[in-house]
Amino acid sequence: MTLSLDRNIVYPDSDGKPMADNTRQFRWIVLFKENLECLFADNPNVFVAGDLLWYPVEGSPDIRVAPDVFVVFDRPKGDRGSYQQWKENNITPQVVFEILSPGNTYKEMVKKQQFYDKYGVEEYYIYDPDRNVLTGLERENGILTFIEDITDWISPRLGIRFVLTDDTLKVYYPDGQPFLTTIELTQKAQQEKLRADQAQLQVNRTQLENDRLRQLLLQAGINIPDDYN
């Protein structure tokens, strides 16, 4: 006999906890979330979320976690109040990021690791910006296992590269471009637009000069074919 689940079960969209404890933690969460969005902007079947509750088990609203950032392949983009896995072809988020703050406890992080291990996360990255410590785990033989050397690590799923320097963590796109903050991305876009405008201005100036020379030649009785370069 198959029991039907109570359709009145509520899966809250919020756990009542703040997204971040401080500006540094928030800045890193946004850095990962926004750049991963950019990385997969052209792929309609990669869903990237930040601070979204993930419910892996239907009928169990108490089994949940809100990763700082997670990535799900083979799921469409779009708004969600929470990630209810049974409504998502039962696909587990493959990659999870947590950014530590002074308020995170060892017990809390162990419980999260156990949760991600139990429910099938493939890659789990933890960055402590205050101590500049990066920890990574990947699934091997069905178990999340610590990555021994992560100083120049490339994510198997994402293709991004982590470089841990003496001062900070640097993350690079598969093409070698660095992850940038929203301000840096805006500045880069403005610079690229300025370069494009300058290039177009030069093209326009060249065309005007060519037209002027053509007129002078015509006045001198010299006809230049239109397709002459």
Protein backbone atom coordinates (compact mmCIF):
# COMPACT_ATOMS: atom_id res chain seq x y z
CA MET A 1 0.00 0.00 0.00
CA THR A 2 1.39 3.42 -0.97
CA LEU A 3 0.73 6.23 1.47
CA SER A 4 0.13 9.67 0.00
CA LEU A 5 2.03 12.51 1.60
CA ASP A 6 0.11 15.27 3.36
CA ARG A 7 -0.39 17.95 0.72
CA ASN A 8 -0.75 20.53 3.51
CA ILE A 9 2.85 20.18 4.62
CA VAL A 10 4.54 23.57 4.57
CA TYR A 11 8.11 23.96 3.37
CA PRO A 12 9.11 27.47 4.57
CA ASP A 13 11.08 29.69 2.21
CA SER A 14 13.08 31.10 5.12
CA ASP A 15 14.81 29.61 8.13
CA GLY A 16 14.86 32.94 9.96
CA LYS A 17 18.66 33.15 9.84
CA PRO A 18 20.56 36.01 8.21
CA MET A 19 22.24 35.43 4.86
CA ALA A 20 25.58 36.65 6.22
CA ASP A 21 27.02 37.77 9.55
CA ASN A 22 29.24 40.52 8.17
CA THR A 23 30.11 42.46 5.03
CA ARG A 24 33.16 40.36 4.18
CA GLN A 25 31.22 37.11 4.25
CA PHE A 26 28.41 38.66 2.21
CA ARG A 27 30.89 40.01 -0.35
CA TRP A 28 32.34 36.55 -0.92
CA ILE A 29 28.90 34.94 -1.18
CA VAL A 30 27.91 37.47 -3.83
CA LEU A 31 31.25 37.02 -5.65
CA PHE A 32 30.70 33.30 -6.06
CA LYS A 33 27.00 33.49 -6.81
CA GLU A 34 27.19 36.26 -9.42
CA ASN A 35 30.25 34.93 -11.22
CA LEU A 36 28.80 31.42 -11.38
CA GLU A 37 25.65 32.97 -12.84
CA CYS A 38 27.84 34.65 -15.46
CA LEU A 39 29.74 31.43 -16.13
CA PHE A 40 26.54 29.55 -16.97
CA ALA A 41 24.53 32.47 -18.35
CA ASP A 42 24.21 30.80 -21.77
CA ASN A 43 23.20 27.41 -20.39
CA PRO A 44 19.46 27.35 -19.59
CA ASN A 45 19.84 24.10 -17.68
CA VAL A 46 22.19 25.18 -14.91
CA PHE A 47 20.55 26.62 -11.81
CA VAL A 48 22.65 28.75 -9.44
CA ALA A 49 21.27 29.84 -6.08
CA GLY A 50 22.40 31.79 -3.05
CA ASP A 51 21.06 31.31 0.47
CA LEU A 52 18.17 29.17 -0.79
CA LEU A 53 16.69 26.45 1.40
CA TRP A 54 17.21 22.96 0.01
CA TYR A 55 14.71 20.26 1.02
CA PRO A 56 16.00 16.86 -0.10
CA VAL A 57 13.16 14.71 1.27
CA GLU A 58 9.48 15.11 0.46
CA GLY A 59 7.30 15.12 3.56
CA SER A 60 10.20 16.13 5.84
CA PRO A 61 10.32 19.93 6.11
CA ASP A 62 12.70 19.70 9.07
CA ILE A 63 15.36 18.12 6.84
CA ARG A 64 16.78 21.18 5.18
CA VAL A 65 19.82 23.36 4.78
CA ALA A 66 20.53 26.73 3.16
CA PRO A 67 23.94 26.64 1.46
CA ASP A 68 25.55 30.00 0.87
CA VAL A 69 25.79 29.12 -2.84
CA PHE A 70 24.97 25.98 -4.78
CA VAL A 71 24.92 24.88 -8.39
CA VAL A 72 22.57 22.32 -9.95
CA PHE A 73 23.19 20.92 -13.41
CA ASP A 74 20.29 19.68 -15.55
CA ARG A 75 17.76 21.95 -13.87
CA PRO A 76 16.28 25.02 -15.56
CA LYS A 77 16.96 28.54 -14.44
CA GLY A 78 14.10 30.40 -12.79
CA ASP A 79 12.77 31.72 -9.51
CA ARG A 80 12.10 29.35 -6.62
CA GLY A 81 11.03 29.89 -3.04
CA SER A 82 13.11 26.88 -2.08
CA TYR A 83 14.77 23.94 -3.79
CA GLN A 84 12.43 21.01 -3.21
CA GLN A 85 14.38 18.15 -4.67
CA TRP A 86 11.45 15.83 -5.48
CA LYS A 87 10.09 18.59 -7.75
CA GLU A 88 13.47 18.86 -9.53
CA ASN A 89 13.68 15.34 -10.97
CA ASN A 90 15.22 14.42 -7.62
CA ILE A 91 18.51 16.01 -8.69
CA THR A 92 20.85 16.88 -5.85
CA PRO A 93 22.85 20.12 -6.03
CA GLN A 94 26.19 18.93 -7.33
CA VAL A 95 28.40 21.76 -6.03
CA VAL A 96 28.05 23.66 -2.76
CA PHE A 97 29.95 26.64 -1.33
CA GLU A 98 30.01 27.84 2.26
CA ILE A 99 31.67 31.09 3.34
CA LEU A 100 32.58 31.05 7.01
CA SER A 101 32.03 33.85 9.46
CA PRO A 102 33.11 34.16 13.11
CA GLY A 103 29.64 33.02 14.10
CA ASN A 104 29.98 29.58 12.50
CA THR A 105 30.66 26.81 15.00
CA TYR A 106 32.62 23.61 14.46
CA LYS A 107 29.52 21.58 15.31
CA GLU A 108 27.46 23.47 12.74
CA MET A 109 29.99 22.88 9.96
CA VAL A 110 30.33 19.18 10.81
CA LYS A 111 26.54 18.79 10.59
CA LYS A 112 26.53 20.54 7.21
CA GLN A 113 29.28 18.29 5.92
CA GLN A 114 27.34 15.23 7.07
CA PHE A 115 24.21 16.58 5.38
CA TYR A 116 25.98 17.19 2.06
CA ASP A 117 27.66 13.82 2.25
CA LYS A 118 24.40 11.99 2.98
CA TYR A 119 22.39 13.68 0.21
CA GLY A 120 24.89 13.30 -2.59
CA VAL A 121 26.76 16.58 -3.11
CA GLU A 122 29.70 15.97 -5.46
CA GLU A 123 31.91 18.93 -4.54
CA TYR A 124 31.89 20.97 -1.35
CA TYR A 125 34.04 24.07 -0.85
CA ILE A 126 34.47 26.00 2.41
CA TYR A 127 36.29 29.31 2.50
CA ASP A 128 37.20 31.22 5.65
CA PRO A 129 38.03 34.77 4.48
CA ASP A 130 39.17 35.88 7.94
CA ARG A 131 41.88 33.21 8.13
CA ASN A 132 42.26 32.82 4.34
CA VAL A 133 41.73 29.07 4.54
CA LEU A 134 40.13 27.07 1.73
CA THR A 135 38.89 23.54 2.32
CA GLY A 136 37.54 21.31 -0.43
CA LEU A 137 35.89 17.93 -0.56
CA GLU A 138 34.96 15.82 -3.56
CA ARG A 139 33.00 12.61 -3.77
CA GLU A 140 35.17 9.53 -4.13
CA ASN A 141 33.80 6.01 -3.86
CA GLY A 142 30.49 7.45 -2.69
CA ILE A 143 31.95 9.55 0.13
CA LEU A 144 32.91 13.22 0.37
CA THR A 145 36.67 13.12 0.78
CA PHE A 146 39.04 15.96 1.63
CA ILE A 147 41.09 17.33 -1.27
CA GLU A 148 44.69 17.14 -0.09
CA ASP A 149 46.20 19.80 -2.34
CA ILE A 150 43.77 22.59 -3.16
CA THR A 151 46.24 25.46 -3.70
CA ASP A 152 45.79 25.31 -7.49
CA TRP A 153 42.67 23.21 -7.82
CA ILE A 154 40.29 22.99 -10.79
CA SER A 155 36.71 22.02 -10.03
CA PRO A 156 35.79 18.91 -12.05
CA ARG A 157 32.18 20.06 -12.42
CA LEU A 158 32.59 23.81 -12.85
CA GLY A 159 35.98 24.06 -14.52
CA ILE A 160 36.89 27.04 -12.33
CA ARG A 161 40.34 27.27 -10.74
CA PHE A 162 41.09 28.13 -7.12
CA VAL A 163 44.41 29.79 -6.33
CA LEU A 164 45.15 30.38 -2.66
CA THR A 165 47.74 33.13 -2.20
CA ASP A 166 49.28 34.38 1.03
CA ASP A 167 46.64 37.10 1.28
CA THR A 168 43.45 35.89 -0.32
CA LEU A 169 41.66 33.39 -2.52
CA LYS A 170 41.58 34.01 -6.25
CA VAL A 171 39.14 32.20 -8.49
CA TYR A 172 39.38 32.00 -12.27
CA TYR A 173 36.96 31.13 -15.06
CA PRO A 174 37.88 28.18 -17.32
CA ASP A 175 39.26 30.71 -19.84
CA GLY A 176 41.59 32.19 -17.23
CA GLN A 177 39.62 35.37 -16.51
CA PRO A 178 39.36 36.19 -12.79
CA PHE A 179 36.16 36.26 -10.79
CA LEU A 180 35.25 39.93 -10.35
CA THR A 181 33.05 41.85 -7.96
CA THR A 182 29.92 43.56 -9.28
CA ILE A 183 31.75 46.90 -9.26
CA GLU A 184 34.71 45.40 -11.15
CA LEU A 185 32.38 43.75 -13.66
CA THR A 186 30.64 47.10 -14.23
CA GLN A 187 33.95 48.89 -14.63
CA LYS A 188 35.16 46.24 -17.07
CA ALA A 189 31.96 46.55 -19.12
CA GLN A 190 32.36 50.34 -19.18
CA GLN A 191 35.99 50.05 -20.30
CA GLU A 192 35.06 47.59 -23.05
CA LYS A 193 32.29 49.92 -24.22
CA LEU A 194 34.70 52.85 -24.22
CA ARG A 195 37.19 50.87 -26.32
CA ALA A 196 34.42 49.85 -28.72
CA ASP A 197 33.22 53.47 -28.99
CA GLN A 198 36.76 54.67 -29.66
CA ALA A 199 37.27 52.00 -32.32
CA GLN A 200 33.99 52.97 -34.00
CA LEU A 201 34.98 56.64 -33.83
CA GLN A 202 38.23 55.81 -35.61
CA VAL A 203 36.32 53.89 -38.28
CA ASN A 204 34.01 56.87 -38.76
CA ARG A 205 36.96 59.26 -39.02
CA THR A 206 38.65 57.03 -41.58
CA GLN A 207 35.45 56.84 -43.62
CA LEU A 208 35.04 60.63 -43.52
CA GLU A 209 38.62 61.09 -44.67
CA ASN A 210 38.16 58.59 -47.50
CA ASP A 211 34.97 60.38 -48.57
CA ARG A 212 36.78 63.74 -48.52
CA LEU A 213 39.64 62.41 -50.65
CA ARG A 214 37.18 60.86 -53.08
CA GLN A 215 35.45 64.20 -53.51
CA LEU A 216 38.77 65.92 -54.17
CA LEU A 217 39.68 63.33 -56.79
CA LEU A 218 36.29 63.67 -58.45
CA GLN A 219 36.75 67.43 -58.60
CA ALA A 220 40.08 66.77 -60.31
CA GLY A 221 38.37 64.57 -62.87
CA ILE A 222 39.57 61.28 -61.41
CA ASN A 223 36.82 58.72 -60.86
CA ILE A 224 37.44 56.10 -58.15
CA PRO A 225 35.28 52.93 -58.26
CA ASP A 226 33.03 52.48 -55.23
CA ASP A 227 34.61 49.10 -54.42
CA TYR A 228 38.15 50.49 -54.55
CA ASN A 229 40.06 50.09 -51.29
